[in-house]
Amino acid sequence: ADGRVLFVIRDRTGNVERERIVLDADDLLNTIAEPPKGGRSISDHSPGGTRTLDIDVRRNEVLLCVRPDDGEGCDVAVGLDDLTDALAEALPPA
């Protein structure tokens, strides 16, 4: 994949946006395809402050935490299949 992907984390209750981060698509896809033991951190590419995505693939579940460099962020767990399906829809064909 070429380019970047916008990740937005929202609360289900009230659909309130908690965090957003712009990531290099190749970094994200490679981390999911060949997950390193213990997870990986990916820095963003968005203006207005640096954020980091901590990603840890555990079998069929993916743990994600978006955090600013100067504080705590928010975390979410998603199914691996759900995440890969969403990325397939968001990214152009290779």
N, C-alpha and C. Protein backbone atom coordinates (compact mmCIF):
# COMPACT_ATOMS: atom_id res chain seq x y z
N ALA A 1 0.85 -1.18 0.00
CA ALA A 1 0.00 0.00 0.00
C ALA A 1 0.88 1.23 0.00
N ASP A 2 0.40 2.26 -0.64
CA ASP A 2 1.14 3.50 -0.69
C ASP A 2 0.32 4.57 -0.01
N GLY A 3 0.91 5.28 0.90
CA GLY A 3 0.21 6.38 1.52
C GLY A 3 0.01 6.23 3.00
N ARG A 4 -1.03 6.89 3.45
CA ARG A 4 -1.30 6.96 4.88
C ARG A 4 -2.74 6.60 5.16
N VAL A 5 -2.97 6.24 6.41
CA VAL A 5 -4.32 5.88 6.84
C VAL A 5 -4.65 6.67 8.11
N LEU A 6 -5.87 7.19 8.17
CA LEU A 6 -6.34 7.92 9.33
C LEU A 6 -7.07 6.95 10.24
N PHE A 7 -6.62 6.86 11.48
CA PHE A 7 -7.22 6.01 12.50
C PHE A 7 -7.98 6.92 13.45
N VAL A 8 -9.25 6.66 13.67
CA VAL A 8 -10.06 7.44 14.61
C VAL A 8 -10.66 6.48 15.63
N ILE A 9 -10.49 6.78 16.90
CA ILE A 9 -11.08 5.98 17.97
C ILE A 9 -12.23 6.78 18.56
N ARG A 10 -13.41 6.15 18.60
CA ARG A 10 -14.62 6.79 19.11
C ARG A 10 -15.24 5.92 20.19
N ASP A 11 -15.86 6.58 21.16
CA ASP A 11 -16.68 5.87 22.13
C ASP A 11 -17.97 5.45 21.45
N ARG A 12 -18.42 4.25 21.73
CA ARG A 12 -19.71 3.82 21.18
C ARG A 12 -20.85 4.66 21.75
N THR A 13 -20.75 4.97 23.03
CA THR A 13 -21.78 5.79 23.66
C THR A 13 -21.60 7.23 23.23
N GLY A 14 -22.54 7.75 22.51
CA GLY A 14 -22.48 9.14 22.09
C GLY A 14 -21.61 9.40 20.87
N ASN A 15 -20.92 8.38 20.36
CA ASN A 15 -20.06 8.52 19.18
C ASN A 15 -19.05 9.66 19.34
N VAL A 16 -18.49 9.79 20.53
CA VAL A 16 -17.54 10.86 20.84
C VAL A 16 -16.14 10.45 20.40
N GLU A 17 -15.50 11.32 19.64
CA GLU A 17 -14.13 11.04 19.20
C GLU A 17 -13.16 11.19 20.36
N ARG A 18 -12.33 10.15 20.56
CA ARG A 18 -11.34 10.17 21.65
C ARG A 18 -9.96 10.52 21.14
N GLU A 19 -9.55 9.92 20.04
CA GLU A 19 -8.22 10.15 19.48
C GLU A 19 -8.27 9.96 17.98
N ARG A 20 -7.30 10.57 17.32
CA ARG A 20 -7.09 10.32 15.89
C ARG A 20 -5.61 10.38 15.62
N ILE A 21 -5.18 9.58 14.63
CA ILE A 21 -3.77 9.50 14.31
C ILE A 21 -3.64 9.14 12.83
N VAL A 22 -2.65 9.72 12.16
CA VAL A 22 -2.37 9.41 10.76
C VAL A 22 -1.10 8.57 10.72
N LEU A 23 -1.21 7.39 10.11
CA LEU A 23 -0.11 6.42 10.10
C LEU A 23 0.32 6.08 8.68
N ASP A 24 1.58 5.70 8.56
CA ASP A 24 2.07 5.16 7.30
C ASP A 24 1.41 3.81 7.08
N ALA A 25 0.74 3.63 5.95
CA ALA A 25 -0.01 2.40 5.70
C ALA A 25 0.89 1.17 5.68
N ASP A 26 2.07 1.28 5.08
CA ASP A 26 2.98 0.14 5.02
C ASP A 26 3.44 -0.29 6.41
N ASP A 27 3.75 0.68 7.28
CA ASP A 27 4.15 0.35 8.66
C ASP A 27 3.05 -0.42 9.37
N LEU A 28 1.83 0.07 9.23
CA LEU A 28 0.71 -0.57 9.90
C LEU A 28 0.45 -1.97 9.34
N LEU A 29 0.42 -2.10 8.03
CA LEU A 29 0.16 -3.41 7.42
C LEU A 29 1.25 -4.42 7.74
N ASN A 30 2.49 -3.99 7.72
CA ASN A 30 3.59 -4.90 8.05
C ASN A 30 3.52 -5.35 9.51
N THR A 31 3.13 -4.46 10.40
CA THR A 31 3.02 -4.82 11.81
C THR A 31 1.90 -5.84 12.03
N ILE A 32 0.83 -5.71 11.30
CA ILE A 32 -0.28 -6.65 11.42
C ILE A 32 0.07 -7.99 10.76
N ALA A 33 0.71 -7.93 9.60
CA ALA A 33 1.04 -9.16 8.86
C ALA A 33 2.10 -9.99 9.56
N GLU A 34 3.09 -9.33 10.14
CA GLU A 34 4.17 -10.02 10.83
C GLU A 34 4.38 -9.35 12.19
N PRO A 35 3.47 -9.63 13.11
CA PRO A 35 3.52 -8.92 14.40
C PRO A 35 4.73 -9.31 15.23
N PRO A 36 5.48 -8.32 15.69
CA PRO A 36 6.61 -8.61 16.58
C PRO A 36 6.11 -9.01 17.96
N LYS A 37 6.82 -9.89 18.60
CA LYS A 37 6.46 -10.30 19.97
C LYS A 37 6.55 -9.09 20.88
N GLY A 38 5.52 -8.86 21.66
CA GLY A 38 5.51 -7.72 22.57
C GLY A 38 4.96 -6.45 21.96
N GLY A 39 4.61 -6.48 20.67
CA GLY A 39 4.01 -5.33 20.02
C GLY A 39 5.01 -4.35 19.44
N ARG A 40 4.48 -3.25 18.94
CA ARG A 40 5.30 -2.23 18.28
C ARG A 40 4.64 -0.88 18.43
N SER A 41 5.43 0.17 18.41
CA SER A 41 4.93 1.54 18.44
C SER A 41 5.21 2.19 17.08
N ILE A 42 4.20 2.90 16.56
CA ILE A 42 4.32 3.60 15.28
C ILE A 42 3.99 5.06 15.52
N SER A 43 4.87 5.96 15.11
CA SER A 43 4.63 7.40 15.26
C SER A 43 3.77 7.92 14.12
N ASP A 44 3.06 9.00 14.40
CA ASP A 44 2.14 9.54 13.40
C ASP A 44 2.82 10.46 12.40
N HIS A 45 2.02 10.87 11.41
CA HIS A 45 2.48 11.77 10.35
C HIS A 45 1.53 12.96 10.23
N SER A 46 0.87 13.33 11.32
CA SER A 46 -0.08 14.42 11.25
C SER A 46 0.48 15.69 11.87
N PRO A 47 0.05 16.84 11.37
CA PRO A 47 0.49 18.10 11.96
C PRO A 47 -0.19 18.34 13.30
N GLY A 48 0.41 19.18 14.12
CA GLY A 48 -0.23 19.58 15.36
C GLY A 48 0.01 18.67 16.54
N GLY A 49 1.22 18.19 16.70
CA GLY A 49 1.52 17.37 17.86
C GLY A 49 1.74 15.92 17.50
N THR A 50 2.73 15.33 18.11
CA THR A 50 3.08 13.95 17.81
C THR A 50 2.25 13.00 18.66
N ARG A 51 1.79 11.94 18.01
CA ARG A 51 1.07 10.87 18.69
C ARG A 51 1.73 9.56 18.30
N THR A 52 1.50 8.55 19.11
CA THR A 52 2.05 7.22 18.85
C THR A 52 0.94 6.20 18.98
N LEU A 53 0.96 5.21 18.08
CA LEU A 53 0.07 4.07 18.18
C LEU A 53 0.87 2.89 18.67
N ASP A 54 0.48 2.37 19.83
CA ASP A 54 1.04 1.12 20.32
C ASP A 54 0.11 0.02 19.83
N ILE A 55 0.68 -0.96 19.14
CA ILE A 55 -0.14 -2.03 18.56
C ILE A 55 0.45 -3.38 18.95
N ASP A 56 -0.42 -4.25 19.43
CA ASP A 56 0.00 -5.58 19.87
C ASP A 56 -1.01 -6.60 19.35
N VAL A 57 -0.58 -7.45 18.43
CA VAL A 57 -1.44 -8.47 17.85
C VAL A 57 -1.30 -9.73 18.71
N ARG A 58 -2.42 -10.18 19.24
CA ARG A 58 -2.44 -11.39 20.08
C ARG A 58 -3.45 -12.37 19.49
N ARG A 59 -2.92 -13.26 18.67
CA ARG A 59 -3.73 -14.25 17.97
C ARG A 59 -4.79 -13.55 17.11
N ASN A 60 -6.06 -13.58 17.51
CA ASN A 60 -7.09 -12.97 16.67
C ASN A 60 -7.61 -11.64 17.23
N GLU A 61 -6.87 -11.06 18.17
CA GLU A 61 -7.24 -9.79 18.77
C GLU A 61 -6.08 -8.80 18.63
N VAL A 62 -6.43 -7.54 18.38
CA VAL A 62 -5.42 -6.50 18.26
C VAL A 62 -5.68 -5.44 19.32
N LEU A 63 -4.67 -5.20 20.14
CA LEU A 63 -4.75 -4.17 21.17
C LEU A 63 -4.10 -2.90 20.64
N LEU A 64 -4.83 -1.80 20.68
CA LEU A 64 -4.36 -0.52 20.15
C LEU A 64 -4.45 0.54 21.24
N CYS A 65 -3.42 1.37 21.32
CA CYS A 65 -3.43 2.50 22.24
C CYS A 65 -2.84 3.70 21.52
N VAL A 66 -3.64 4.74 21.36
CA VAL A 66 -3.16 5.99 20.76
C VAL A 66 -2.87 6.94 21.90
N ARG A 67 -1.65 7.48 21.91
CA ARG A 67 -1.27 8.37 23.01
C ARG A 67 -0.42 9.52 22.49
N PRO A 68 -0.63 10.70 23.05
CA PRO A 68 0.28 11.81 22.76
C PRO A 68 1.60 11.56 23.48
N ASP A 69 2.67 12.16 23.00
CA ASP A 69 3.98 11.97 23.62
C ASP A 69 4.04 12.52 25.04
N ASP A 70 3.15 13.45 25.36
CA ASP A 70 3.22 14.09 26.67
C ASP A 70 2.12 13.66 27.63
N GLY A 71 1.47 12.51 27.37
CA GLY A 71 0.41 12.11 28.28
C GLY A 71 -0.20 10.76 27.96
N GLU A 72 -1.28 10.49 28.65
CA GLU A 72 -1.99 9.23 28.45
C GLU A 72 -2.95 9.36 27.28
N GLY A 73 -3.17 8.23 26.64
CA GLY A 73 -4.10 8.20 25.53
C GLY A 73 -5.27 7.30 25.83
N CYS A 74 -5.83 6.73 24.80
CA CYS A 74 -6.94 5.81 25.00
C CYS A 74 -6.62 4.51 24.28
N ASP A 75 -7.25 3.44 24.73
CA ASP A 75 -6.96 2.15 24.14
C ASP A 75 -8.24 1.45 23.74
N VAL A 76 -8.09 0.47 22.86
CA VAL A 76 -9.21 -0.28 22.34
C VAL A 76 -8.70 -1.65 21.89
N ALA A 77 -9.57 -2.64 21.97
CA ALA A 77 -9.25 -3.96 21.44
C ALA A 77 -10.22 -4.24 20.30
N VAL A 78 -9.69 -4.73 19.19
CA VAL A 78 -10.52 -5.07 18.03
C VAL A 78 -10.12 -6.44 17.52
N GLY A 79 -11.04 -7.07 16.82
CA GLY A 79 -10.74 -8.35 16.21
C GLY A 79 -9.79 -8.16 15.04
N LEU A 80 -8.88 -9.08 14.86
CA LEU A 80 -7.91 -9.00 13.76
C LEU A 80 -8.62 -8.99 12.41
N ASP A 81 -9.62 -9.84 12.24
CA ASP A 81 -10.36 -9.87 10.97
C ASP A 81 -11.08 -8.56 10.71
N ASP A 82 -11.69 -7.99 11.74
CA ASP A 82 -12.38 -6.70 11.59
C ASP A 82 -11.42 -5.60 11.18
N LEU A 83 -10.24 -5.59 11.79
CA LEU A 83 -9.25 -4.57 11.46
C LEU A 83 -8.73 -4.73 10.04
N THR A 84 -8.42 -5.95 9.64
CA THR A 84 -7.91 -6.15 8.28
C THR A 84 -8.99 -5.86 7.24
N ASP A 85 -10.25 -6.18 7.54
CA ASP A 85 -11.34 -5.84 6.62
C ASP A 85 -11.49 -4.33 6.46
N ALA A 86 -11.41 -3.60 7.58
CA ALA A 86 -11.53 -2.14 7.53
C ALA A 86 -10.38 -1.51 6.74
N LEU A 87 -9.18 -2.03 6.94
CA LEU A 87 -8.02 -1.51 6.20
C LEU A 87 -8.14 -1.81 4.71
N ALA A 88 -8.66 -2.99 4.37
CA ALA A 88 -8.85 -3.35 2.97
C ALA A 88 -9.82 -2.40 2.29
N GLU A 89 -10.85 -1.97 3.00
CA GLU A 89 -11.81 -1.01 2.46
C GLU A 89 -11.21 0.39 2.34
N ALA A 90 -10.36 0.77 3.30
CA ALA A 90 -9.83 2.13 3.36
C ALA A 90 -8.67 2.37 2.40
N LEU A 91 -7.93 1.31 2.07
CA LEU A 91 -6.73 1.47 1.26
C LEU A 91 -6.98 1.05 -0.18
N PRO A 92 -6.33 1.73 -1.13
CA PRO A 92 -6.46 1.31 -2.53
C PRO A 92 -5.79 -0.04 -2.76
N PRO A 93 -6.23 -0.79 -3.77
CA PRO A 93 -5.59 -2.08 -4.06
C PRO A 93 -4.10 -1.91 -4.34
N ALA A 94 -3.33 -2.89 -3.92
CA ALA A 94 -1.87 -2.83 -4.12
C ALA A 94 -1.51 -3.04 -5.57
